[in-house]
PDB file of N, CA and C in Angstrom:
ATOM      1  N   MET A   1     -65.108  30.394  27.584  1.00  0.00           N
ATOM      2  CA  MET A   1     -64.893  30.806  26.211  1.00  0.00           C
ATOM      3  C   MET A   1     -63.562  31.571  26.152  1.00  0.00           C
ATOM      4  N   THR A   2     -62.771  31.249  25.151  1.00  0.00           N
ATOM      5  CA  THR A   2     -61.473  31.905  25.015  1.00  0.00           C
ATOM      6  C   THR A   2     -61.624  33.272  24.346  1.00  0.00           C
ATOM      7  N   ASN A   3     -60.581  34.074  24.474  1.00  0.00           N
ATOM      8  CA  ASN A   3     -60.558  35.394  23.835  1.00  0.00           C
ATOM      9  C   ASN A   3     -60.732  35.262  22.322  1.00  0.00           C
ATOM     10  N   GLN A   4     -60.108  34.258  21.740  1.00  0.00           N
ATOM     11  CA  GLN A   4     -60.205  34.035  20.297  1.00  0.00           C
ATOM     12  C   GLN A   4     -61.646  33.693  19.894  1.00  0.00           C
ATOM     13  N   GLN A   5     -62.326  32.886  20.685  1.00  0.00           N
ATOM     14  CA  GLN A   5     -63.715  32.542  20.395  1.00  0.00           C
ATOM     15  C   GLN A   5     -64.626  33.759  20.527  1.00  0.00           C
ATOM     16  N   ILE A   6     -64.376  34.588  21.523  1.00  0.00           N
ATOM     17  CA  ILE A   6     -65.166  35.813  21.703  1.00  0.00           C
ATOM     18  C   ILE A   6     -64.986  36.728  20.502  1.00  0.00           C
ATOM     19  N   LYS A   7     -63.750  36.912  20.062  1.00  0.00           N
ATOM     20  CA  LYS A   7     -63.480  37.765  18.899  1.00  0.00           C
ATOM     21  C   LYS A   7     -64.128  37.203  17.634  1.00  0.00           C
ATOM     22  N   ALA A   8     -64.129  35.878  17.497  1.00  0.00           N
ATOM     23  CA  ALA A   8     -64.765  35.257  16.330  1.00  0.00           C
ATOM     24  C   ALA A   8     -66.268  35.517  16.329  1.00  0.00           C
ATOM     25  N   LEU A   9     -66.919  35.362  17.474  1.00  0.00           N
ATOM     26  CA  LEU A   9     -68.355  35.620  17.565  1.00  0.00           C
ATOM     27  C   LEU A   9     -68.675  37.096  17.336  1.00  0.00           C
ATOM     28  N   GLN A  10     -67.822  37.984  17.841  1.00  0.00           N
ATOM     29  CA  GLN A  10     -68.020  39.409  17.587  1.00  0.00           C
ATOM     30  C   GLN A  10     -67.920  39.711  16.095  1.00  0.00           C
ATOM     31  N   SER A  11     -66.963  39.096  15.441  1.00  0.00           N
ATOM     32  CA  SER A  11     -66.784  39.299  14.003  1.00  0.00           C
ATOM     33  C   SER A  11     -67.988  38.774  13.218  1.00  0.00           C
ATOM     34  N   ILE A  12     -68.495  37.632  13.606  1.00  0.00           N
ATOM     35  CA  ILE A  12     -69.684  37.065  12.952  1.00  0.00           C
ATOM     36  C   ILE A  12     -70.875  37.992  13.160  1.00  0.00           C
ATOM     37  N   GLY A  13     -71.080  38.431  14.398  1.00  0.00           N
ATOM     38  CA  GLY A  13     -72.188  39.338  14.699  1.00  0.00           C
ATOM     39  C   GLY A  13     -72.090  40.630  13.910  1.00  0.00           C
ATOM     40  N   LYS A  14     -70.887  41.194  13.851  1.00  0.00           N
ATOM     41  CA  LYS A  14     -70.673  42.435  13.099  1.00  0.00           C
ATOM     42  C   LYS A  14     -71.012  42.234  11.625  1.00  0.00           C
ATOM     43  N   GLY A  15     -70.551  41.139  11.047  1.00  0.00           N
ATOM     44  CA  GLY A  15     -70.827  40.855   9.640  1.00  0.00           C
ATOM     45  C   GLY A  15     -72.313  40.704   9.358  1.00  0.00           C
ATOM     46  N   ILE A  16     -73.010  40.031  10.259  1.00  0.00           N
ATOM     47  CA  ILE A  16     -74.454  39.846  10.087  1.00  0.00           C
ATOM     48  C   ILE A  16     -75.171  41.188  10.178  1.00  0.00           C
ATOM     49  N   ILE A  17     -74.841  41.969  11.192  1.00  0.00           N
ATOM     50  CA  ILE A  17     -75.489  43.277  11.364  1.00  0.00           C
ATOM     51  C   ILE A  17     -75.243  44.155  10.144  1.00  0.00           C
ATOM     52  N   GLU A  18     -74.013  44.202   9.681  1.00  0.00           N
ATOM     53  CA  GLU A  18     -73.697  45.021   8.507  1.00  0.00           C
ATOM     54  C   GLU A  18     -74.435  44.534   7.262  1.00  0.00           C
ATOM     55  N   SER A  19     -74.562  43.229   7.100  1.00  0.00           N
ATOM     56  CA  SER A  19     -75.273  42.705   5.931  1.00  0.00           C
ATOM     57  C   SER A  19     -76.765  43.019   5.997  1.00  0.00           C
ATOM     58  N   CYS A  20     -77.297  43.130   7.202  1.00  0.00           N
ATOM     59  CA  CYS A  20     -78.720  43.456   7.369  1.00  0.00           C
ATOM     60  C   CYS A  20     -78.993  44.948   7.166  1.00  0.00           C
ATOM     61  N   ASN A  21     -77.933  45.722   7.028  1.00  0.00           N
ATOM     62  CA  ASN A  21     -78.081  47.172   6.859  1.00  0.00           C
ATOM     63  C   ASN A  21     -77.763  47.628   5.436  1.00  0.00           C
ATOM     64  N   ILE A  22     -77.397  46.725   4.551  1.00  0.00           N
ATOM     65  CA  ILE A  22     -76.993  47.095   3.187  1.00  0.00           C
ATOM     66  C   ILE A  22     -78.158  47.685   2.404  1.00  0.00           C
ATOM     67  N   ASP A  23     -79.339  47.145   2.575  1.00  0.00           N
ATOM     68  CA  ASP A  23     -80.500  47.585   1.800  1.00  0.00           C
ATOM     69  C   ASP A  23     -81.679  47.802   2.743  1.00  0.00           C
ATOM     70  N   SER A  24     -82.580  48.657   2.359  1.00  0.00           N
ATOM     71  CA  SER A  24     -83.734  48.963   3.217  1.00  0.00           C
ATOM     72  C   SER A  24     -84.664  47.764   3.405  1.00  0.00           C
ATOM     73  N   ILE A  25     -84.581  46.786   2.527  1.00  0.00           N
ATOM     74  CA  ILE A  25     -85.430  45.603   2.690  1.00  0.00           C
ATOM     75  C   ILE A  25     -84.837  44.599   3.670  1.00  0.00           C
ATOM     76  N   GLY A  26     -83.651  44.866   4.172  1.00  0.00           N
ATOM     77  CA  GLY A  26     -83.007  43.959   5.115  1.00  0.00           C
ATOM     78  C   GLY A  26     -82.288  42.829   4.401  1.00  0.00           C
ATOM     79  N   ALA A  27     -81.942  41.825   5.170  1.00  0.00           N
ATOM     80  CA  ALA A  27     -81.249  40.663   4.617  1.00  0.00           C
ATOM     81  C   ALA A  27     -82.126  39.421   4.779  1.00  0.00           C
ATOM     82  N   PRO A  28     -82.297  38.652   3.715  1.00  0.00           N
ATOM     83  CA  PRO A  28     -83.092  37.422   3.809  1.00  0.00           C
ATOM     84  C   PRO A  28     -82.434  36.419   4.761  1.00  0.00           C
ATOM     85  N   SER A  29     -83.244  35.823   5.607  1.00  0.00           N
ATOM     86  CA  SER A  29     -82.702  34.868   6.572  1.00  0.00           C
ATOM     87  C   SER A  29     -82.022  33.692   5.877  1.00  0.00           C
ATOM     88  N   GLY A  30     -82.542  33.280   4.731  1.00  0.00           N
ATOM     89  CA  GLY A  30     -81.937  32.157   4.003  1.00  0.00           C
ATOM     90  C   GLY A  30     -80.534  32.458   3.517  1.00  0.00           C
ATOM     91  N   ALA A  31     -80.302  33.698   3.107  1.00  0.00           N
ATOM     92  CA  ALA A  31     -78.959  34.084   2.643  1.00  0.00           C
ATOM     93  C   ALA A  31     -77.972  34.102   3.801  1.00  0.00           C
ATOM     94  N   ILE A  32     -78.417  34.588   4.950  1.00  0.00           N
ATOM     95  CA  ILE A  32     -77.540  34.598   6.128  1.00  0.00           C
ATOM     96  C   ILE A  32     -77.255  33.166   6.561  1.00  0.00           C
ATOM     97  N   TYR A  33     -78.281  32.337   6.587  1.00  0.00           N
ATOM     98  CA  TYR A  33     -78.115  30.936   6.971  1.00  0.00           C
ATOM     99  C   TYR A  33     -77.144  30.234   6.024  1.00  0.00           C
ATOM    100  N   ALA A  34     -77.312  30.443   4.723  1.00  0.00           N
ATOM    101  CA  ALA A  34     -76.423  29.800   3.749  1.00  0.00           C
ATOM    102  C   ALA A  34     -74.973  30.236   3.954  1.00  0.00           C
ATOM    103  N   ALA A  35     -74.772  31.510   4.249  1.00  0.00           N
ATOM    104  CA  ALA A  35     -73.404  31.995   4.482  1.00  0.00           C
ATOM    105  C   ALA A  35     -72.799  31.330   5.715  1.00  0.00           C
ATOM    106  N   LEU A  36     -73.592  31.191   6.764  1.00  0.00           N
ATOM    107  CA  LEU A  36     -73.066  30.584   7.988  1.00  0.00           C
ATOM    108  C   LEU A  36     -72.803  29.093   7.828  1.00  0.00           C
ATOM    109  N   ILE A  37     -73.715  28.361   7.175  1.00  0.00           N
ATOM    110  CA  ILE A  37     -73.461  26.921   7.024  1.00  0.00           C
ATOM    111  C   ILE A  37     -72.294  26.681   6.073  1.00  0.00           C
ATOM    112  N   GLY A  38     -72.067  27.625   5.174  1.00  0.00           N
ATOM    113  CA  GLY A  38     -70.901  27.532   4.291  1.00  0.00           C
ATOM    114  C   GLY A  38     -69.592  27.580   5.061  1.00  0.00           C
ATOM    115  N   HIS A  39     -69.651  28.102   6.274  1.00  0.00           N
ATOM    116  CA  HIS A  39     -68.466  28.171   7.136  1.00  0.00           C
ATOM    117  C   HIS A  39     -68.541  27.162   8.275  1.00  0.00           C
ATOM    118  N   GLY A  40     -69.472  26.214   8.165  1.00  0.00           N
ATOM    119  CA  GLY A  40     -69.523  25.115   9.126  1.00  0.00           C
ATOM    120  C   GLY A  40     -70.515  25.261  10.259  1.00  0.00           C
ATOM    121  N   ALA A  41     -71.349  26.294  10.255  1.00  0.00           N
ATOM    122  CA  ALA A  41     -72.335  26.456  11.330  1.00  0.00           C
ATOM    123  C   ALA A  41     -73.504  25.501  11.119  1.00  0.00           C
ATOM    124  N   SER A  42     -74.158  25.165  12.205  1.00  0.00           N
ATOM    125  CA  SER A  42     -75.353  24.311  12.146  1.00  0.00           C
ATOM    126  C   SER A  42     -76.600  25.194  12.211  1.00  0.00           C
ATOM    127  N   LEU A  43     -77.759  24.594  11.973  1.00  0.00           N
ATOM    128  CA  LEU A  43     -79.019  25.316  12.093  1.00  0.00           C
ATOM    129  C   LEU A  43     -79.201  25.841  13.519  1.00  0.00           C
ATOM    130  N   ASN A  44     -78.851  25.026  14.510  1.00  0.00           N
ATOM    131  CA  ASN A  44     -78.969  25.462  15.907  1.00  0.00           C
ATOM    132  C   ASN A  44     -78.063  26.656  16.190  1.00  0.00           C
ATOM    133  N   GLN A  45     -76.858  26.650  15.652  1.00  0.00           N
ATOM    134  CA  GLN A  45     -75.951  27.779  15.852  1.00  0.00           C
ATOM    135  C   GLN A  45     -76.497  29.035  15.175  1.00  0.00           C
ATOM    136  N   PHE A  46     -77.026  28.892  13.945  1.00  0.00           N
ATOM    137  CA  PHE A  46     -77.641  30.018  13.250  1.00  0.00           C
ATOM    138  C   PHE A  46     -78.762  30.599  14.088  1.00  0.00           C
ATOM    139  N   ASN A  47     -79.680  29.740  14.546  1.00  0.00           N
ATOM    140  CA  ASN A  47     -80.807  30.209  15.350  1.00  0.00           C
ATOM    141  C   ASN A  47     -80.348  30.889  16.635  1.00  0.00           C
ATOM    142  N   SER A  48     -79.345  30.334  17.269  1.00  0.00           N
ATOM    143  CA  SER A  48     -78.825  30.910  18.510  1.00  0.00           C
ATOM    144  C   SER A  48     -78.223  32.292  18.276  1.00  0.00           C
ATOM    145  N   ILE A  49     -77.426  32.417  17.229  1.00  0.00           N
ATOM    146  CA  ILE A  49     -76.799  33.708  16.915  1.00  0.00           C
ATOM    147  C   ILE A  49     -77.862  34.746  16.589  1.00  0.00           C
ATOM    148  N   MET A  50     -78.797  34.398  15.720  1.00  0.00           N
ATOM    149  CA  MET A  50     -79.811  35.358  15.301  1.00  0.00           C
ATOM    150  C   MET A  50     -80.730  35.727  16.468  1.00  0.00           C
ATOM    151  N   ASP A  51     -81.128  34.751  17.265  1.00  0.00           N
ATOM    152  CA  ASP A  51     -81.977  35.029  18.428  1.00  0.00           C
ATOM    153  C   ASP A  51     -81.272  35.959  19.412  1.00  0.00           C
ATOM    154  N   THR A  52     -79.983  35.755  19.607  1.00  0.00           N
ATOM    155  CA  THR A  52     -79.214  36.609  20.515  1.00  0.00           C
ATOM    156  C   THR A  52     -79.138  38.035  19.995  1.00  0.00           C
ATOM    157  N   LEU A  53     -78.883  38.201  18.691  1.00  0.00           N
ATOM    158  CA  LEU A  53     -78.803  39.544  18.121  1.00  0.00           C
ATOM    159  C   LEU A  53     -80.150  40.265  18.195  1.00  0.00           C
ATOM    160  N   VAL A  54     -81.237  39.529  18.016  1.00  0.00           N
ATOM    161  CA  VAL A  54     -82.576  40.125  18.122  1.00  0.00           C
ATOM    162  C   VAL A  54     -82.875  40.456  19.585  1.00  0.00           C
ATOM    163  N   LYS A  55     -82.592  39.518  20.483  1.00  0.00           N
ATOM    164  CA  LYS A  55     -82.882  39.699  21.906  1.00  0.00           C
ATOM    165  C   LYS A  55     -82.180  40.925  22.483  1.00  0.00           C
ATOM    166  N   HIS A  56     -80.967  41.193  22.013  1.00  0.00           N
ATOM    167  CA  HIS A  56     -80.194  42.330  22.521  1.00  0.00           C
ATOM    168  C   HIS A  56     -80.486  43.628  21.773  1.00  0.00           C
ATOM    169  N   GLY A  57     -81.421  43.571  20.821  1.00  0.00           N
ATOM    170  CA  GLY A  57     -81.848  44.782  20.136  1.00  0.00           C
ATOM    171  C   GLY A  57     -80.963  45.226  18.992  1.00  0.00           C
ATOM    172  N   PHE A  58     -80.079  44.347  18.527  1.00  0.00           N
ATOM    173  CA  PHE A  58     -79.175  44.705  17.425  1.00  0.00           C
ATOM    174  C   PHE A  58     -79.834  44.481  16.064  1.00  0.00           C
ATOM    175  N   LEU A  59     -80.809  43.574  16.014  1.00  0.00           N
ATOM    176  CA  LEU A  59     -81.552  43.278  14.795  1.00  0.00           C
ATOM    177  C   LEU A  59     -83.029  43.203  15.118  1.00  0.00           C
ATOM    178  N   THR A  60     -83.850  43.418  14.096  1.00  0.00           N
ATOM    179  CA  THR A  60     -85.269  43.074  14.185  1.00  0.00           C
ATOM    180  C   THR A  60     -85.514  41.979  13.157  1.00  0.00           C
ATOM    181  N   HIS A  61     -86.527  41.168  13.409  1.00  0.00           N
ATOM    182  CA  HIS A  61     -86.831  40.052  12.520  1.00  0.00           C
ATOM    183  C   HIS A  61     -88.246  40.214  12.001  1.00  0.00           C
ATOM    184  N   ASP A  62     -88.388  40.255  10.688  1.00  0.00           N
ATOM    185  CA  ASP A  62     -89.705  40.299  10.055  1.00  0.00           C
ATOM    186  C   ASP A  62     -90.037  38.868   9.646  1.00  0.00           C
ATOM    187  N   ALA A  63     -90.825  38.208  10.480  1.00  0.00           N
ATOM    188  CA  ALA A  63     -91.132  36.794  10.252  1.00  0.00           C
ATOM    189  C   ALA A  63     -91.971  36.580   8.994  1.00  0.00           C
ATOM    190  N   ASP A  64     -92.793  37.580   8.627  1.00  0.00           N
ATOM    191  CA  ASP A  64     -93.620  37.439   7.426  1.00  0.00           C
ATOM    192  C   ASP A  64     -92.773  37.415   6.156  1.00  0.00           C
ATOM    193  N   CYS A  65     -91.744  38.242   6.120  1.00  0.00           N
ATOM    194  CA  CYS A  65     -90.877  38.335   4.929  1.00  0.00           C
ATOM    195  C   CYS A  65     -89.600  37.518   5.075  1.00  0.00           C
ATOM    196  N   HIS A  66     -89.389  36.947   6.252  1.00  0.00           N
ATOM    197  CA  HIS A  66     -88.170  36.174   6.536  1.00  0.00           C
ATOM    198  C   HIS A  66     -86.916  37.010   6.301  1.00  0.00           C
ATOM    199  N   THR A  67     -86.935  38.243   6.835  1.00  0.00           N
ATOM    200  CA  THR A  67     -85.784  39.132   6.719  1.00  0.00           C
ATOM    201  C   THR A  67     -85.386  39.662   8.092  1.00  0.00           C
ATOM    202  N   TYR A  68     -84.140  40.076   8.174  1.00  0.00           N
ATOM    203  CA  TYR A  68     -83.609  40.713   9.374  1.00  0.00           C
ATOM    204  C   TYR A  68     -83.166  42.121   8.999  1.00  0.00           C
ATOM    205  N   HIS A  69     -83.353  43.058   9.945  1.00  0.00           N
ATOM    206  CA  HIS A  69     -82.993  44.454   9.729  1.00  0.00           C
ATOM    207  C   HIS A  69     -82.118  44.915  10.887  1.00  0.00           C
ATOM    208  N   ALA A  70     -81.042  45.638  10.566  1.00  0.00           N
ATOM    209  CA  ALA A  70     -80.170  46.182  11.605  1.00  0.00           C
ATOM    210  C   ALA A  70     -80.867  47.357  12.286  1.00  0.00           C
ATOM    211  N   THR A  71     -80.665  47.478  13.585  1.00  0.00           N
ATOM    212  CA  THR A  71     -81.181  48.617  14.336  1.00  0.00           C
ATOM    213  C   THR A  71     -80.056  49.635  14.511  1.00  0.00           C
ATOM    214  N   ASP A  72     -80.420  50.823  14.980  1.00  0.00           N
ATOM    215  CA  ASP A  72     -79.402  51.843  15.240  1.00  0.00           C
ATOM    216  C   ASP A  72     -78.410  51.370  16.292  1.00  0.00           C
ATOM    217  N   SER A  73     -78.914  50.714  17.337  1.00  0.00           N
ATOM    218  CA  SER A  73     -77.996  50.227  18.371  1.00  0.00           C
ATOM    219  C   SER A  73     -77.120  49.087  17.841  1.00  0.00           C
ATOM    220  N   GLY A  74     -77.652  48.299  16.937  1.00  0.00           N
ATOM    221  CA  GLY A  74     -76.842  47.250  16.315  1.00  0.00           C
ATOM    222  C   GLY A  74     -75.721  47.834  15.473  1.00  0.00           C
ATOM    223  N   MET A  75     -76.037  48.863  14.716  1.00  0.00           N
ATOM    224  CA  MET A  75     -75.001  49.509  13.897  1.00  0.00           C
ATOM    225  C   MET A  75     -73.968  50.201  14.772  1.00  0.00           C
ATOM    226  N   ALA A  76     -74.408  50.820  15.872  1.00  0.00           N
ATOM    227  CA  ALA A  76     -73.460  51.460  16.791  1.00  0.00           C
ATOM    228  C   ALA A  76     -72.503  50.430  17.372  1.00  0.00           C
ATOM    229  N   TRP A  77     -73.041  49.269  17.769  1.00  0.00           N
ATOM    230  CA  TRP A  77     -72.193  48.209  18.312  1.00  0.00           C
ATOM    231  C   TRP A  77     -71.233  47.675  17.242  1.00  0.00           C
ATOM    232  N   ALA A  78     -71.752  47.451  16.036  1.00  0.00           N
ATOM    233  CA  ALA A  78     -70.906  46.929  14.952  1.00  0.00           C
ATOM    234  C   ALA A  78     -69.782  47.896  14.625  1.00  0.00           C
ATOM    235  N   ASN A  79     -70.045  49.176  14.710  1.00  0.00           N
ATOM    236  CA  ASN A  79     -69.006  50.165  14.423  1.00  0.00           C
ATOM    237  C   ASN A  79     -67.930  50.195  15.491  1.00  0.00           C
ATOM    238  N   LYS A  80     -68.262  49.766  16.713  1.00  0.00           N
ATOM    239  CA  LYS A  80     -67.271  49.722  17.805  1.00  0.00           C
ATOM    240  C   LYS A  80     -66.407  48.471  17.738  1.00  0.00           C
ATOM    241  N   VAL A  81     -66.960  47.374  17.265  1.00  0.00           N
ATOM    242  CA  VAL A  81     -66.242  46.095  17.242  1.00  0.00           C
ATOM    243  C   VAL A  81     -65.117  46.165  16.213  1.00  0.00           C
ATOM    244  N   GLY A  82     -63.947  45.844  16.670  1.00  0.00           N
ATOM    245  CA  GLY A  82     -62.794  45.817  15.770  1.00  0.00           C
ATOM    246  C   GLY A  82     -62.271  47.194  15.417  1.00  0.00           C
ATOM    247  N   ALA A  83     -62.799  48.221  16.062  1.00  0.00           N
ATOM    248  CA  ALA A  83     -62.344  49.584  15.755  1.00  0.00           C
ATOM    249  C   ALA A  83     -61.045  49.895  16.466  1.00  0.00           C
TER     250      ALA A  83
END
């Protein structure tokens, strides 16, 4: 993976984490998916990105409400990226 690709993925992750922290109800998974496919991502890429952010503890996923919520560690990481 090139440096440019790493920076692009960091930027995407930061944007997702920040969007999941805007409101206490989190961010609807459909809205995040629509934003990503609008930029050319596939369903598999969406699932991979979201699963990675959840696995590393940056987001939590409420499967009943289909929402994602930023964690404190996710916000700390997002604040470091691009700083």
